Amino acid sequence: VDLMAYLRVMVNPADMVAFRRIINKPARGIGEKTCDKLVELVRKKADFGKNPAEALLGLLADVVEGRCKIPRAGAKLITGCQQLLALFERCEDWRNRSPRETLLDILDETHFYDHLKKVTAKKGQEYDDAQERIQSLIQELDAHQAKSPNDLPGFLEDMSLIRPETDETRHAVNLMTIHSAKGLEFDLVYIVGAADGI
């Protein structure tokens, strides 16, 4: 789901739900209040007529170059914004490339596999399972590429129809199969009605 959020932000920099999801995955030392302030400033830039990409990238550049200071935010914020800017610059040509290439750039630029190793070790999960999920996503991207070349927005639209993603700001219980619940996005999973031998 985190990688899907990265792809969604590439296509639609106004998607602040996805932006909130990626800002600290991998960890960049950007706290929730700082993230709230960034989102607020992006929206203000957009209100002044900036398109979503200009608003987001402009804000990141302003933070990095010292034109925008955010209260109680230190060097980690600047480093985090630099990392995000480098990622957007590397992937700016996503419209003319296969979605797989864009995803591989995201994996490389963010050192996502290193992040997964730390997260799976911390949560007592299998790193191989996490890798498998990424490989499944790459296979789905390849299958979509065969039907609709260089169509990342179409892929994201298809995926949202197959597996609608909920707004993170809503507090709710998600009901799903065990297979769907094995992702890293859930801090707590209850298996209901399980009995020994069944």
N, C-alpha and C. Protein backbone atom coordinates (compact mmCIF):
# COMPACT_ATOMS: atom_id res chain seq x y z
N VAL A 1 0.83 -1.20 0.00
CA VAL A 1 0.00 0.00 0.00
C VAL A 1 0.87 1.25 0.00
N ASP A 2 2.01 1.22 0.70
CA ASP A 2 2.89 2.39 0.71
C ASP A 2 3.40 2.70 -0.70
N LEU A 3 3.75 1.67 -1.45
CA LEU A 3 4.25 1.90 -2.80
C LEU A 3 3.14 2.41 -3.71
N MET A 4 1.92 1.92 -3.52
CA MET A 4 0.79 2.45 -4.28
C MET A 4 0.61 3.93 -3.97
N ALA A 5 0.81 4.31 -2.71
CA ALA A 5 0.69 5.72 -2.33
C ALA A 5 1.76 6.56 -3.04
N TYR A 6 2.98 6.03 -3.15
CA TYR A 6 4.03 6.74 -3.90
C TYR A 6 3.59 6.96 -5.35
N LEU A 7 3.05 5.92 -5.97
CA LEU A 7 2.61 6.04 -7.36
C LEU A 7 1.47 7.05 -7.48
N ARG A 8 0.57 7.05 -6.50
CA ARG A 8 -0.56 7.98 -6.54
C ARG A 8 -0.08 9.43 -6.43
N VAL A 9 0.93 9.68 -5.60
CA VAL A 9 1.44 11.05 -5.46
C VAL A 9 2.14 11.49 -6.74
N MET A 10 2.83 10.57 -7.42
CA MET A 10 3.46 10.91 -8.69
C MET A 10 2.42 11.41 -9.70
N VAL A 11 1.31 10.68 -9.77
CA VAL A 11 0.26 11.00 -10.73
C VAL A 11 -0.54 12.21 -10.28
N ASN A 12 -0.81 12.30 -8.97
CA ASN A 12 -1.65 13.38 -8.46
C ASN A 12 -1.04 13.97 -7.19
N PRO A 13 -0.16 14.97 -7.34
CA PRO A 13 0.48 15.57 -6.16
C PRO A 13 -0.50 16.26 -5.21
N ALA A 14 -1.75 16.39 -5.62
CA ALA A 14 -2.76 16.96 -4.71
C ALA A 14 -3.34 15.92 -3.77
N ASP A 15 -2.97 14.66 -3.94
CA ASP A 15 -3.50 13.59 -3.10
C ASP A 15 -2.76 13.61 -1.76
N MET A 16 -3.31 14.37 -0.82
CA MET A 16 -2.65 14.56 0.46
C MET A 16 -2.78 13.35 1.38
N VAL A 17 -3.77 12.49 1.14
CA VAL A 17 -3.86 11.24 1.92
C VAL A 17 -2.65 10.37 1.57
N ALA A 18 -2.36 10.25 0.27
CA ALA A 18 -1.20 9.46 -0.16
C ALA A 18 0.10 10.13 0.30
N PHE A 19 0.15 11.46 0.22
CA PHE A 19 1.36 12.18 0.64
C PHE A 19 1.65 11.93 2.12
N ARG A 20 0.60 11.98 2.95
CA ARG A 20 0.79 11.70 4.38
C ARG A 20 1.34 10.29 4.59
N ARG A 21 0.90 9.38 3.76
CA ARG A 21 1.32 7.98 3.92
C ARG A 21 2.81 7.81 3.58
N ILE A 22 3.30 8.52 2.57
CA ILE A 22 4.69 8.29 2.12
C ILE A 22 5.71 9.15 2.85
N ILE A 23 5.26 10.21 3.51
CA ILE A 23 6.23 11.20 3.99
C ILE A 23 7.24 10.59 4.97
N ASN A 24 6.84 9.56 5.70
CA ASN A 24 7.75 8.95 6.67
C ASN A 24 7.97 7.47 6.42
N LYS A 25 7.80 7.06 5.17
CA LYS A 25 8.07 5.66 4.81
C LYS A 25 8.94 5.65 3.56
N PRO A 26 10.22 5.41 3.74
CA PRO A 26 11.01 5.18 4.96
C PRO A 26 11.01 6.40 5.89
N ALA A 27 11.43 6.16 7.14
CA ALA A 27 11.42 7.22 8.15
C ALA A 27 12.30 8.38 7.73
N ARG A 28 11.73 9.59 7.83
CA ARG A 28 12.48 10.81 7.49
C ARG A 28 12.50 11.79 8.67
N GLY A 29 11.99 11.35 9.82
CA GLY A 29 12.02 12.21 10.99
C GLY A 29 11.06 13.39 10.91
N ILE A 30 9.99 13.24 10.14
CA ILE A 30 9.00 14.32 10.00
C ILE A 30 7.78 13.93 10.83
N GLY A 31 7.54 14.67 11.89
CA GLY A 31 6.44 14.35 12.80
C GLY A 31 5.07 14.68 12.22
N GLU A 32 4.04 14.23 12.94
CA GLU A 32 2.67 14.40 12.45
C GLU A 32 2.28 15.87 12.36
N LYS A 33 2.66 16.68 13.35
CA LYS A 33 2.31 18.11 13.33
C LYS A 33 3.04 18.82 12.19
N THR A 34 4.29 18.45 11.97
CA THR A 34 5.03 19.05 10.85
C THR A 34 4.38 18.66 9.53
N CYS A 35 3.96 17.41 9.44
CA CYS A 35 3.27 16.94 8.24
C CYS A 35 1.98 17.72 8.03
N ASP A 36 1.21 17.95 9.10
CA ASP A 36 -0.02 18.75 9.01
C ASP A 36 0.28 20.13 8.45
N LYS A 37 1.37 20.73 8.92
CA LYS A 37 1.75 22.08 8.47
C LYS A 37 2.13 22.06 6.99
N LEU A 38 2.86 21.05 6.58
CA LEU A 38 3.23 20.93 5.16
C LEU A 38 1.98 20.82 4.29
N VAL A 39 1.05 19.98 4.70
CA VAL A 39 -0.19 19.80 3.94
C VAL A 39 -0.95 21.12 3.85
N GLU A 40 -1.01 21.84 4.97
CA GLU A 40 -1.70 23.14 4.99
C GLU A 40 -1.04 24.12 4.02
N LEU A 41 0.29 24.15 4.00
CA LEU A 41 1.02 25.08 3.13
C LEU A 41 0.87 24.70 1.66
N VAL A 42 0.85 23.41 1.37
CA VAL A 42 0.62 22.96 -0.01
C VAL A 42 -0.75 23.45 -0.48
N ARG A 43 -1.75 23.32 0.38
CA ARG A 43 -3.11 23.75 0.01
C ARG A 43 -3.17 25.26 -0.19
N LYS A 44 -2.43 26.00 0.63
CA LYS A 44 -2.42 27.46 0.46
C LYS A 44 -1.79 27.84 -0.87
N LYS A 45 -0.70 27.16 -1.23
CA LYS A 45 -0.07 27.44 -2.53
C LYS A 45 -1.05 27.14 -3.67
N ALA A 46 -1.77 26.04 -3.52
CA ALA A 46 -2.75 25.67 -4.54
C ALA A 46 -3.86 26.72 -4.63
N ASP A 47 -4.24 27.28 -3.48
CA ASP A 47 -5.28 28.32 -3.47
C ASP A 47 -4.83 29.56 -4.23
N PHE A 48 -3.52 29.78 -4.31
CA PHE A 48 -3.00 30.93 -5.04
C PHE A 48 -2.75 30.62 -6.51
N GLY A 49 -3.39 29.55 -7.00
CA GLY A 49 -3.36 29.28 -8.43
C GLY A 49 -2.26 28.35 -8.90
N LYS A 50 -1.46 27.82 -7.99
CA LYS A 50 -0.43 26.87 -8.38
C LYS A 50 -1.08 25.53 -8.70
N ASN A 51 -0.58 24.86 -9.73
CA ASN A 51 -1.11 23.52 -9.96
C ASN A 51 -0.54 22.59 -8.87
N PRO A 52 -1.15 21.40 -8.67
CA PRO A 52 -0.73 20.55 -7.55
C PRO A 52 0.76 20.23 -7.52
N ALA A 53 1.34 19.93 -8.69
CA ALA A 53 2.77 19.59 -8.73
C ALA A 53 3.61 20.80 -8.34
N GLU A 54 3.27 21.97 -8.87
CA GLU A 54 4.01 23.19 -8.52
C GLU A 54 3.89 23.50 -7.03
N ALA A 55 2.68 23.30 -6.49
CA ALA A 55 2.45 23.60 -5.07
C ALA A 55 3.31 22.70 -4.18
N LEU A 56 3.29 21.40 -4.45
CA LEU A 56 4.04 20.47 -3.61
C LEU A 56 5.54 20.63 -3.79
N LEU A 57 6.01 20.61 -5.04
CA LEU A 57 7.45 20.71 -5.29
C LEU A 57 7.98 22.08 -4.88
N GLY A 58 7.16 23.12 -5.08
CA GLY A 58 7.57 24.47 -4.68
C GLY A 58 7.76 24.55 -3.18
N LEU A 59 6.85 23.94 -2.43
CA LEU A 59 6.98 23.97 -0.97
C LEU A 59 8.22 23.20 -0.51
N LEU A 60 8.43 22.01 -1.07
CA LEU A 60 9.62 21.23 -0.69
C LEU A 60 10.89 22.02 -0.97
N ALA A 61 10.94 22.68 -2.13
CA ALA A 61 12.12 23.49 -2.48
C ALA A 61 12.27 24.68 -1.52
N ASP A 62 11.15 25.29 -1.16
CA ASP A 62 11.20 26.43 -0.23
C ASP A 62 11.76 26.01 1.13
N VAL A 63 11.37 24.83 1.60
CA VAL A 63 11.88 24.33 2.89
C VAL A 63 13.38 24.06 2.78
N VAL A 64 13.78 23.39 1.70
CA VAL A 64 15.20 23.03 1.53
C VAL A 64 16.07 24.27 1.42
N GLU A 65 15.58 25.28 0.72
CA GLU A 65 16.40 26.48 0.47
C GLU A 65 16.21 27.56 1.52
N GLY A 66 15.45 27.25 2.57
CA GLY A 66 15.33 28.18 3.69
C GLY A 66 14.34 29.31 3.50
N ARG A 67 13.54 29.26 2.43
CA ARG A 67 12.55 30.33 2.21
C ARG A 67 11.30 30.10 3.04
N CYS A 68 11.15 28.90 3.57
CA CYS A 68 9.98 28.57 4.39
C CYS A 68 10.46 27.86 5.64
N LYS A 69 10.21 28.48 6.77
CA LYS A 69 10.63 27.87 8.04
C LYS A 69 9.38 27.39 8.77
N ILE A 70 9.43 26.15 9.22
CA ILE A 70 8.29 25.56 9.91
C ILE A 70 8.65 25.44 11.40
N PRO A 71 7.81 26.00 12.27
CA PRO A 71 8.12 25.98 13.71
C PRO A 71 8.42 24.58 14.23
N ARG A 72 9.41 24.49 15.09
CA ARG A 72 9.83 23.25 15.78
C ARG A 72 10.32 22.16 14.82
N ALA A 73 10.57 22.52 13.57
CA ALA A 73 11.10 21.53 12.62
C ALA A 73 12.58 21.83 12.40
N GLY A 74 13.39 20.81 12.48
CA GLY A 74 14.83 21.01 12.37
C GLY A 74 15.43 20.45 11.11
N ALA A 75 16.68 20.01 11.24
CA ALA A 75 17.45 19.55 10.09
C ALA A 75 16.84 18.32 9.42
N LYS A 76 16.15 17.49 10.22
CA LYS A 76 15.57 16.28 9.64
C LYS A 76 14.53 16.63 8.58
N LEU A 77 13.77 17.69 8.83
CA LEU A 77 12.76 18.10 7.85
C LEU A 77 13.42 18.50 6.54
N ILE A 78 14.49 19.26 6.62
CA ILE A 78 15.19 19.70 5.40
C ILE A 78 15.73 18.49 4.65
N THR A 79 16.34 17.56 5.37
CA THR A 79 16.86 16.34 4.73
C THR A 79 15.73 15.54 4.10
N GLY A 80 14.62 15.40 4.82
CA GLY A 80 13.47 14.67 4.30
C GLY A 80 12.91 15.30 3.04
N CYS A 81 12.81 16.63 3.04
CA CYS A 81 12.32 17.35 1.86
C CYS A 81 13.29 17.21 0.68
N GLN A 82 14.59 17.22 0.97
CA GLN A 82 15.59 17.00 -0.08
C GLN A 82 15.40 15.62 -0.71
N GLN A 83 15.17 14.61 0.13
CA GLN A 83 14.98 13.25 -0.38
C GLN A 83 13.74 13.16 -1.27
N LEU A 84 12.65 13.79 -0.83
CA LEU A 84 11.42 13.76 -1.62
C LEU A 84 11.60 14.51 -2.94
N LEU A 85 12.28 15.65 -2.89
CA LEU A 85 12.55 16.41 -4.13
C LEU A 85 13.36 15.57 -5.11
N ALA A 86 14.39 14.91 -4.60
CA ALA A 86 15.23 14.06 -5.47
C ALA A 86 14.40 12.96 -6.10
N LEU A 87 13.47 12.40 -5.34
CA LEU A 87 12.60 11.35 -5.86
C LEU A 87 11.70 11.88 -6.97
N PHE A 88 11.06 13.03 -6.73
CA PHE A 88 10.17 13.61 -7.74
C PHE A 88 10.94 13.96 -9.02
N GLU A 89 12.15 14.47 -8.85
CA GLU A 89 12.97 14.81 -10.02
C GLU A 89 13.32 13.56 -10.82
N ARG A 90 13.65 12.50 -10.12
CA ARG A 90 14.01 11.26 -10.80
C ARG A 90 12.82 10.65 -11.55
N CYS A 91 11.64 10.85 -11.00
CA CYS A 91 10.44 10.22 -11.59
C CYS A 91 9.59 11.18 -12.41
N GLU A 92 10.10 12.39 -12.68
CA GLU A 92 9.26 13.40 -13.34
C GLU A 92 8.80 12.98 -14.74
N ASP A 93 9.52 12.04 -15.35
CA ASP A 93 9.17 11.61 -16.71
C ASP A 93 8.27 10.37 -16.71
N TRP A 94 7.51 10.17 -15.64
CA TRP A 94 6.71 8.95 -15.49
C TRP A 94 5.69 8.77 -16.62
N ARG A 95 5.24 9.87 -17.23
CA ARG A 95 4.22 9.76 -18.29
C ARG A 95 4.77 9.05 -19.52
N ASN A 96 6.06 9.12 -19.73
CA ASN A 96 6.67 8.55 -20.94
C ASN A 96 7.40 7.24 -20.68
N ARG A 97 7.17 6.68 -19.52
CA ARG A 97 7.86 5.43 -19.17
C ARG A 97 6.85 4.42 -18.65
N SER A 98 7.28 3.18 -18.59
CA SER A 98 6.37 2.16 -18.06
C SER A 98 6.22 2.35 -16.55
N PRO A 99 5.05 2.04 -16.01
CA PRO A 99 4.86 2.14 -14.56
C PRO A 99 5.89 1.32 -13.77
N ARG A 100 6.31 0.20 -14.36
CA ARG A 100 7.33 -0.63 -13.69
C ARG A 100 8.62 0.17 -13.48
N GLU A 101 9.05 0.91 -14.52
CA GLU A 101 10.28 1.71 -14.39
C GLU A 101 10.14 2.75 -13.30
N THR A 102 8.97 3.37 -13.22
CA THR A 102 8.74 4.38 -12.18
C THR A 102 8.81 3.73 -10.81
N LEU A 103 8.18 2.57 -10.65
CA LEU A 103 8.21 1.88 -9.37
C LEU A 103 9.64 1.49 -8.99
N LEU A 104 10.41 0.98 -9.95
CA LEU A 104 11.80 0.59 -9.65
C LEU A 104 12.63 1.80 -9.23
N ASP A 105 12.36 2.96 -9.84
CA ASP A 105 13.05 4.19 -9.43
C ASP A 105 12.68 4.56 -7.99
N ILE A 106 11.40 4.40 -7.65
CA ILE A 106 10.95 4.70 -6.28
C ILE A 106 11.65 3.76 -5.29
N LEU A 107 11.67 2.47 -5.62
CA LEU A 107 12.32 1.49 -4.74
C LEU A 107 13.79 1.83 -4.52
N ASP A 108 14.45 2.23 -5.59
CA ASP A 108 15.88 2.53 -5.52
C ASP A 108 16.14 3.84 -4.77
N GLU A 109 15.43 4.88 -5.15
CA GLU A 109 15.68 6.22 -4.59
C GLU A 109 15.36 6.27 -3.09
N THR A 110 14.34 5.52 -2.67
CA THR A 110 13.95 5.55 -1.26
C THR A 110 14.65 4.47 -0.43
N HIS A 111 15.43 3.61 -1.07
CA HIS A 111 16.06 2.47 -0.39
C HIS A 111 14.97 1.66 0.33
N PHE A 112 13.90 1.39 -0.41
CA PHE A 112 12.70 0.81 0.19
C PHE A 112 12.93 -0.60 0.74
N TYR A 113 13.80 -1.37 0.10
CA TYR A 113 14.05 -2.72 0.61
C TYR A 113 14.74 -2.67 1.98
N ASP A 114 15.65 -1.71 2.16
CA ASP A 114 16.28 -1.55 3.48
C ASP A 114 15.23 -1.20 4.53
N HIS A 115 14.32 -0.30 4.14
CA HIS A 115 13.21 0.09 5.02
C HIS A 115 12.38 -1.14 5.40
N LEU A 116 12.08 -1.99 4.41
CA LEU A 116 11.28 -3.20 4.67
C LEU A 116 11.98 -4.14 5.64
N LYS A 117 13.28 -4.29 5.49
CA LYS A 117 14.03 -5.18 6.39
C LYS A 117 13.88 -4.71 7.84
N LYS A 118 14.00 -3.39 8.05
CA LYS A 118 13.88 -2.86 9.41
C LYS A 118 12.47 -3.05 9.94
N VAL A 119 11.47 -2.74 9.12
CA VAL A 119 10.08 -2.81 9.57
C VAL A 119 9.68 -4.25 9.87
N THR A 120 10.03 -5.17 8.98
CA THR A 120 9.64 -6.56 9.20
C THR A 120 10.35 -7.14 10.43
N ALA A 121 11.61 -6.78 10.63
CA ALA A 121 12.33 -7.26 11.81
C ALA A 121 11.69 -6.73 13.09
N LYS A 122 11.31 -5.44 13.05
CA LYS A 122 10.72 -4.81 14.22
C LYS A 122 9.37 -5.41 14.56
N LYS A 123 8.59 -5.74 13.54
CA LYS A 123 7.23 -6.25 13.76
C LYS A 123 7.18 -7.78 13.80
N GLY A 124 8.34 -8.42 13.67
CA GLY A 124 8.37 -9.88 13.71
C GLY A 124 7.70 -10.51 12.50
N GLN A 125 7.79 -9.85 11.35
CA GLN A 125 7.18 -10.37 10.13
C GLN A 125 8.25 -10.91 9.20
N GLU A 126 7.81 -11.63 8.19
CA GLU A 126 8.74 -12.25 7.23
C GLU A 126 9.10 -11.27 6.13
N TYR A 127 10.39 -11.01 6.00
CA TYR A 127 10.87 -10.11 4.93
C TYR A 127 10.53 -10.69 3.56
N ASP A 128 10.64 -12.02 3.43
CA ASP A 128 10.34 -12.66 2.13
C ASP A 128 8.90 -12.42 1.69
N ASP A 129 7.97 -12.42 2.65
CA ASP A 129 6.57 -12.14 2.32
C ASP A 129 6.42 -10.72 1.79
N ALA A 130 7.11 -9.78 2.43
CA ALA A 130 7.04 -8.39 1.99
C ALA A 130 7.61 -8.25 0.58
N GLN A 131 8.71 -8.94 0.32
CA GLN A 131 9.31 -8.91 -1.03
C GLN A 131 8.35 -9.50 -2.06
N GLU A 132 7.68 -10.57 -1.67
CA GLU A 132 6.71 -11.21 -2.57
C GLU A 132 5.61 -10.25 -2.97
N ARG A 133 5.14 -9.45 -2.01
CA ARG A 133 4.07 -8.49 -2.32
C ARG A 133 4.55 -7.45 -3.33
N ILE A 134 5.81 -7.05 -3.20
CA ILE A 134 6.36 -6.09 -4.17
C ILE A 134 6.45 -6.74 -5.54
N GLN A 135 6.90 -7.99 -5.58
CA GLN A 135 6.99 -8.70 -6.86
C GLN A 135 5.61 -8.87 -7.50
N SER A 136 4.59 -9.10 -6.68
CA SER A 136 3.22 -9.21 -7.20
C SER A 136 2.78 -7.88 -7.81
N LEU A 137 3.13 -6.78 -7.15
CA LEU A 137 2.78 -5.46 -7.68
C LEU A 137 3.50 -5.23 -9.01
N ILE A 138 4.76 -5.62 -9.10
CA ILE A 138 5.51 -5.46 -10.36
C ILE A 138 4.86 -6.29 -11.47
N GLN A 139 4.43 -7.49 -11.15
CA GLN A 139 3.76 -8.34 -12.15
C GLN A 139 2.46 -7.70 -12.62
N GLU A 140 1.71 -7.11 -11.69
CA GLU A 140 0.47 -6.43 -12.07
C GLU A 140 0.77 -5.22 -12.97
N LEU A 141 1.84 -4.50 -12.65
CA LEU A 141 2.24 -3.37 -13.50
C LEU A 141 2.61 -3.84 -14.90
N ASP A 142 3.33 -4.96 -14.98
CA ASP A 142 3.72 -5.52 -16.28
C ASP A 142 2.50 -5.94 -17.09
N ALA A 143 1.53 -6.56 -16.42
CA ALA A 143 0.32 -7.00 -17.11
C ALA A 143 -0.45 -5.80 -17.65
N HIS A 144 -0.51 -4.74 -16.86
CA HIS A 144 -1.20 -3.53 -17.31
C HIS A 144 -0.44 -2.88 -18.48
N GLN A 145 0.89 -2.90 -18.39
CA GLN A 145 1.72 -2.31 -19.45
C GLN A 145 1.47 -3.02 -20.78
N ALA A 146 1.27 -4.32 -20.73
CA ALA A 146 1.02 -5.08 -21.96
C ALA A 146 -0.29 -4.66 -22.61
N LYS A 147 -1.28 -4.29 -21.79
CA LYS A 147 -2.58 -3.86 -22.32
C LYS A 147 -2.58 -2.38 -22.70
N SER A 148 -2.01 -1.55 -21.81
CA SER A 148 -2.05 -0.09 -21.98
C SER A 148 -0.68 0.49 -21.67
N PRO A 149 0.17 0.62 -22.69
CA PRO A 149 1.55 1.09 -22.45
C PRO A 149 1.60 2.47 -21.80
N ASN A 150 2.51 2.58 -20.83
CA ASN A 150 2.82 3.86 -20.17
C ASN A 150 1.57 4.56 -19.63
N ASP A 151 0.71 3.79 -18.99
CA ASP A 151 -0.55 4.34 -18.49
C ASP A 151 -0.66 4.12 -16.98
N LEU A 152 0.16 4.85 -16.22
CA LEU A 152 0.13 4.73 -14.77
C LEU A 152 -1.21 5.18 -14.17
N PRO A 153 -1.80 6.28 -14.64
CA PRO A 153 -3.12 6.66 -14.09
C PRO A 153 -4.17 5.57 -14.30
N GLY A 154 -4.14 4.93 -15.48
CA GLY A 154 -5.10 3.85 -15.75
C GLY A 154 -4.90 2.68 -14.81
N PHE A 155 -3.63 2.36 -14.52
CA PHE A 155 -3.33 1.27 -13.59
C PHE A 155 -3.88 1.59 -12.20
N LEU A 156 -3.64 2.80 -11.73
CA LEU A 156 -4.11 3.18 -10.40
C LEU A 156 -5.63 3.18 -10.33
N GLU A 157 -6.27 3.58 -11.42
CA GLU A 157 -7.73 3.57 -11.46
C GLU A 157 -8.25 2.13 -11.39
N ASP A 158 -7.61 1.24 -12.16
CA ASP A 158 -8.01 -0.18 -12.13
C ASP A 158 -7.84 -0.76 -10.74
N MET A 159 -6.71 -0.45 -10.10
CA MET A 159 -6.44 -1.00 -8.77
C MET A 159 -7.41 -0.47 -7.73
N SER A 160 -7.83 0.79 -7.87
CA SER A 160 -8.77 1.34 -6.89
C SER A 160 -10.14 0.69 -7.03
N LEU A 161 -10.46 0.21 -8.25
CA LEU A 161 -11.72 -0.49 -8.45
C LEU A 161 -11.66 -1.90 -7.86
N ILE A 162 -10.46 -2.51 -7.97
CA ILE A 162 -10.30 -3.86 -7.44
C ILE A 162 -10.22 -3.84 -5.92
N ARG A 163 -9.36 -2.94 -5.40
CA ARG A 163 -9.16 -2.85 -3.95
C ARG A 163 -9.26 -1.40 -3.52
N PRO A 164 -10.47 -0.91 -3.26
CA PRO A 164 -10.60 0.49 -2.84
C PRO A 164 -9.80 0.76 -1.57
N GLU A 165 -9.05 1.86 -1.57
CA GLU A 165 -8.27 2.22 -0.39
C GLU A 165 -9.05 3.22 0.45
N THR A 166 -9.05 3.01 1.76
CA THR A 166 -9.83 3.88 2.63
C THR A 166 -9.02 5.10 3.00
N ASP A 167 -9.73 6.18 3.31
CA ASP A 167 -9.10 7.40 3.79
C ASP A 167 -8.53 7.12 5.17
N GLU A 168 -7.24 7.40 5.35
CA GLU A 168 -6.58 7.08 6.62
C GLU A 168 -7.14 7.88 7.79
N THR A 169 -7.79 9.01 7.49
CA THR A 169 -8.28 9.83 8.58
C THR A 169 -9.52 9.22 9.24
N ARG A 170 -10.14 8.22 8.60
CA ARG A 170 -11.31 7.58 9.18
C ARG A 170 -10.87 6.43 10.09
N HIS A 171 -11.50 6.36 11.25
CA HIS A 171 -11.22 5.26 12.17
C HIS A 171 -12.30 4.21 11.96
N ALA A 172 -11.90 3.05 11.52
CA ALA A 172 -12.88 2.02 11.21
C ALA A 172 -12.22 0.66 11.31
N VAL A 173 -13.06 -0.36 11.44
CA VAL A 173 -12.60 -1.74 11.40
C VAL A 173 -12.68 -2.21 9.95
N ASN A 174 -11.61 -2.82 9.46
CA ASN A 174 -11.60 -3.37 8.11
C ASN A 174 -11.83 -4.87 8.19
N LEU A 175 -12.83 -5.36 7.47
CA LEU A 175 -13.08 -6.80 7.41
C LEU A 175 -12.50 -7.33 6.11
N MET A 176 -11.71 -8.40 6.20
CA MET A 176 -11.04 -8.91 5.00
C MET A 176 -10.56 -10.34 5.23
N THR A 177 -10.06 -10.94 4.17
CA THR A 177 -9.49 -12.29 4.30
C THR A 177 -8.14 -12.20 4.99
N ILE A 178 -7.67 -13.33 5.50
CA ILE A 178 -6.34 -13.37 6.11
C ILE A 178 -5.29 -12.96 5.09
N HIS A 179 -5.46 -13.40 3.84
CA HIS A 179 -4.50 -13.07 2.78
C HIS A 179 -4.38 -11.55 2.62
N SER A 180 -5.51 -10.85 2.62
CA SER A 180 -5.48 -9.39 2.45
C SER A 180 -4.90 -8.68 3.67
N ALA A 181 -5.00 -9.32 4.82
CA ALA A 181 -4.58 -8.67 6.07
C ALA A 181 -3.11 -8.86 6.39
N LYS A 182 -2.36 -9.52 5.51
CA LYS A 182 -0.96 -9.80 5.87
C LYS A 182 0.00 -8.66 5.52
N GLY A 183 -0.55 -7.54 5.04
CA GLY A 183 0.31 -6.42 4.67
C GLY A 183 0.86 -5.69 5.89
N LEU A 184 1.82 -4.83 5.63
CA LEU A 184 2.48 -4.11 6.72
C LEU A 184 1.69 -2.89 7.18
N GLU A 185 0.55 -2.61 6.50
CA GLU A 185 -0.17 -1.39 6.84
C GLU A 185 -1.02 -1.52 8.10
N PHE A 186 -1.14 -2.73 8.65
CA PHE A 186 -1.99 -2.93 9.81
C PHE A 186 -1.14 -3.16 11.06
N ASP A 187 -1.39 -2.35 12.09
CA ASP A 187 -0.67 -2.52 13.35
C ASP A 187 -1.25 -3.68 14.16
N LEU A 188 -2.52 -3.98 13.94
CA LEU A 188 -3.19 -5.00 14.74
C LEU A 188 -4.18 -5.75 13.86
N VAL A 189 -4.13 -7.08 13.91
CA VAL A 189 -5.07 -7.90 13.13
C VAL A 189 -5.69 -8.93 14.07
N TYR A 190 -7.03 -9.02 14.10
CA TYR A 190 -7.73 -10.04 14.88
C TYR A 190 -8.23 -11.10 13.92
N ILE A 191 -7.95 -12.36 14.23
CA ILE A 191 -8.49 -13.46 13.45
C ILE A 191 -9.69 -13.99 14.26
N VAL A 192 -10.88 -13.80 13.70
CA VAL A 192 -12.12 -14.10 14.43
C VAL A 192 -12.59 -15.51 14.13
N GLY A 193 -13.01 -16.22 15.16
CA GLY A 193 -13.61 -17.53 14.98
C GLY A 193 -12.62 -18.63 14.63
N ALA A 194 -11.34 -18.41 14.88
CA ALA A 194 -10.34 -19.43 14.58
C ALA A 194 -10.36 -20.48 15.69
N ALA A 195 -10.29 -21.75 15.31
CA ALA A 195 -10.27 -22.84 16.29
C ALA A 195 -9.23 -23.86 15.85
N ASP A 196 -8.59 -24.48 16.80
CA ASP A 196 -7.56 -25.47 16.53
C ASP A 196 -8.12 -26.60 15.66
N GLY A 197 -7.43 -26.89 14.57
CA GLY A 197 -7.84 -27.97 13.70
C GLY A 197 -8.76 -27.56 12.57
N ILE A 198 -9.20 -26.32 12.55
CA ILE A 198 -10.09 -25.86 11.46
C ILE A 198 -9.28 -24.97 10.52
